[in-house]
C-alpha atoms as a PDB file:
ATOM      1  CA  MET A   1       0.000   0.000   0.000  1.00  0.00           C
ATOM      2  CA  ALA A   2       1.320   3.444  -0.970  1.00  0.00           C
ATOM      3  CA  GLU A   3       2.077   5.968   1.738  1.00  0.00           C
ATOM      4  CA  PHE A   4      -0.595   8.678   2.154  1.00  0.00           C
ATOM      5  CA  LEU A   5       1.464  11.780   1.432  1.00  0.00           C
ATOM      6  CA  GLU A   6       0.760  15.119   3.053  1.00  0.00           C
ATOM      7  CA  ILE A   7       2.360  18.541   2.878  1.00  0.00           C
ATOM      8  CA  HIS A   8       4.545  17.907   5.950  1.00  0.00           C
ATOM      9  CA  HIS A   9       6.321  15.091   4.079  1.00  0.00           C
ATOM     10  CA  PHE A  10       7.654  17.621   1.547  1.00  0.00           C
ATOM     11  CA  GLU A  11       8.273  20.782   3.584  1.00  0.00           C
ATOM     12  CA  PRO A  12      11.827  19.767   4.610  1.00  0.00           C
ATOM     13  CA  LEU A  13      12.583  18.808   0.986  1.00  0.00           C
ATOM     14  CA  VAL A  14      12.104  22.264  -0.589  1.00  0.00           C
ATOM     15  CA  GLY A  15      15.326  23.184  -2.381  1.00  0.00           C
ATOM     16  CA  LYS A  16      16.534  19.567  -2.551  1.00  0.00           C
ATOM     17  CA  ILE A  17      17.378  17.997  -5.913  1.00  0.00           C
ATOM     18  CA  VAL A  18      14.927  15.358  -7.118  1.00  0.00           C
ATOM     19  CA  ARG A  19      15.953  12.619  -9.559  1.00  0.00           C
ATOM     20  CA  PHE A  20      13.256  11.086 -11.752  1.00  0.00           C
ATOM     21  CA  LYS A  21      14.021   7.388 -12.214  1.00  0.00           C
ATOM     22  CA  GLY A  22      14.410   6.222 -15.795  1.00  0.00           C
ATOM     23  CA  THR A  23      15.205   9.737 -17.067  1.00  0.00           C
ATOM     24  CA  HIS A  24      18.157  12.117 -17.095  1.00  0.00           C
ATOM     25  CA  PHE A  25      16.086  14.766 -15.312  1.00  0.00           C
ATOM     26  CA  ALA A  26      17.163  16.118 -11.933  1.00  0.00           C
ATOM     27  CA  MET A  27      15.749  19.356 -10.573  1.00  0.00           C
ATOM     28  CA  PRO A  28      14.978  21.022  -7.258  1.00  0.00           C
ATOM     29  CA  LEU A  29      11.645  21.039  -5.525  1.00  0.00           C
ATOM     30  CA  ALA A  30      11.206  24.795  -5.936  1.00  0.00           C
ATOM     31  CA  LYS A  31       8.163  25.369  -3.747  1.00  0.00           C
ATOM     32  CA  ILE A  32       4.989  23.999  -2.227  1.00  0.00           C
ATOM     33  CA  ILE A  33       1.707  25.781  -2.835  1.00  0.00           C
ATOM     34  CA  PRO A  34      -0.938  24.993  -0.211  1.00  0.00           C
ATOM     35  CA  GLY A  35      -4.508  24.725  -1.442  1.00  0.00           C
ATOM     36  CA  GLN A  36      -7.925  25.304   0.003  1.00  0.00           C
ATOM     37  CA  LYS A  37      -9.891  22.395   1.419  1.00  0.00           C
ATOM     38  CA  PHE A  38     -13.293  22.540  -0.325  1.00  0.00           C
ATOM     39  CA  VAL A  39     -14.706  19.329   1.125  1.00  0.00           C
ATOM     40  CA  PRO A  40     -14.698  19.307   4.937  1.00  0.00           C
ATOM     41  CA  ALA A  41     -14.500  15.499   5.010  1.00  0.00           C
ATOM     42  CA  ALA A  42     -11.393  15.393   2.791  1.00  0.00           C
ATOM     43  CA  LYS A  43      -8.555  13.344   4.262  1.00  0.00           C
ATOM     44  CA  ARG A  44      -5.859  15.952   3.600  1.00  0.00           C
ATOM     45  CA  GLU A  45      -5.314  19.606   2.934  1.00  0.00           C
ATOM     46  CA  PRO A  46      -4.628  19.912  -0.812  1.00  0.00           C
ATOM     47  CA  PHE A  47      -1.250  21.140  -2.033  1.00  0.00           C
ATOM     48  CA  MET A  48       0.885  21.344  -5.145  1.00  0.00           C
ATOM     49  CA  LEU A  49       4.597  20.684  -5.569  1.00  0.00           C
ATOM     50  CA  ILE A  50       6.471  22.800  -8.105  1.00  0.00           C
ATOM     51  CA  PHE A  51       9.719  21.488  -9.569  1.00  0.00           C
ATOM     52  CA  ARG A  52      11.862  23.816 -11.701  1.00  0.00           C
ATOM     53  CA  ALA A  53      14.444  22.836 -14.311  1.00  0.00           C
ATOM     54  CA  PRO A  54      16.459  24.734 -16.894  1.00  0.00           C
ATOM     55  CA  LYS A  55      14.623  24.859 -20.224  1.00  0.00           C
ATOM     56  CA  GLU A  56      15.765  22.055 -22.524  1.00  0.00           C
ATOM     57  CA  ARG A  57      14.831  20.929 -25.997  1.00  0.00           C
ATOM     58  CA  GLU A  58      12.809  18.067 -24.508  1.00  0.00           C
ATOM     59  CA  HIS A  59      10.770  17.983 -21.329  1.00  0.00           C
ATOM     60  CA  LEU A  60       9.924  15.392 -18.710  1.00  0.00           C
ATOM     61  CA  ALA A  61       6.804  13.641 -20.000  1.00  0.00           C
ATOM     62  CA  GLU A  62       3.681  13.553 -17.852  1.00  0.00           C
ATOM     63  CA  GLY A  63       3.386  10.408 -15.776  1.00  0.00           C
ATOM     64  CA  PHE A  64       4.237   8.479 -12.614  1.00  0.00           C
ATOM     65  CA  TYR A  65       7.876   8.597 -11.546  1.00  0.00           C
ATOM     66  CA  GLU A  66       9.946   7.302  -8.685  1.00  0.00           C
ATOM     67  CA  CYS A  67      11.202  10.603  -7.352  1.00  0.00           C
ATOM     68  CA  ALA A  68      14.358  10.274  -5.276  1.00  0.00           C
ATOM     69  CA  PHE A  69      14.924  13.334  -3.110  1.00  0.00           C
ATOM     70  CA  GLU A  70      18.524  14.298  -2.323  1.00  0.00           C
ATOM     71  CA  ASP A  71      19.461  12.970   1.141  1.00  0.00           C
ATOM     72  CA  GLY A  72      15.847  11.926   1.626  1.00  0.00           C
ATOM     73  CA  PRO A  73      13.058   9.566   0.698  1.00  0.00           C
ATOM     74  CA  THR A  74      11.857   8.224  -2.635  1.00  0.00           C
ATOM     75  CA  TYR A  75       8.162   8.642  -3.482  1.00  0.00           C
ATOM     76  CA  GLU A  76       6.162   7.590  -6.512  1.00  0.00           C
ATOM     77  CA  ILE A  77       4.528  10.793  -7.760  1.00  0.00           C
ATOM     78  CA  TYR A  78       2.463  11.778 -10.798  1.00  0.00           C
ATOM     79  CA  VAL A  79       4.279  14.741 -12.378  1.00  0.00           C
ATOM     80  CA  SER A  80       3.259  16.885 -15.327  1.00  0.00           C
ATOM     81  CA  PRO A  81       4.849  19.799 -17.170  1.00  0.00           C
ATOM     82  CA  VAL A  82       3.069  23.129 -16.941  1.00  0.00           C
ATOM     83  CA  HIS A  83       3.074  26.077 -19.306  1.00  0.00           C
ATOM     84  CA  THR A  84       6.092  28.154 -18.303  1.00  0.00           C
ATOM     85  CA  PRO A  85       6.433  31.389 -20.314  1.00  0.00           C
ATOM     86  CA  GLU A  86       9.871  32.286 -18.918  1.00  0.00           C
ATOM     87  CA  PRO A  87      12.513  31.335 -21.506  1.00  0.00           C
ATOM     88  CA  GLU A  88      15.110  30.109 -19.007  1.00  0.00           C
ATOM     89  CA  TRP A  89      13.190  27.419 -17.099  1.00  0.00           C
ATOM     90  CA  GLN A  90      10.466  24.794 -17.252  1.00  0.00           C
ATOM     91  CA  ASP A  91       8.155  24.095 -14.337  1.00  0.00           C
ATOM     92  CA  TYR A  92       6.544  20.776 -13.457  1.00  0.00           C
ATOM     93  CA  GLN A  93       3.786  20.096 -10.939  1.00  0.00           C
ATOM     94  CA  ALA A  94       2.484  17.330  -8.750  1.00  0.00           C
ATOM     95  CA  ILE A  95      -0.981  17.891  -7.311  1.00  0.00           C
ATOM     96  CA  PHE A  96      -2.299  16.303  -4.113  1.00  0.00           C
ATOM     97  CA  ASN A  97      -5.969  16.826  -3.291  1.00  0.00           C
END
């Protein structure tokens, strides 16, 4: 059974490099964006992880990845690229709700 991940699992990992198994991609967890709980009975407060990498010709494809955090745990997370208008970087997100 997969671990039920909450925001507190990731707070100490902000700024750490994350390696995405099976790819050459490695990038920091740039920030965590807390969300608003719309359903009072929800099991967790929603949040979003933002990873930021230098812009490359190719991007990390949307999907599940084993994400190994520098000096930390490895979690299986669904990650997707997001529109990033800045020319120097590409953002990716993982949403937990």
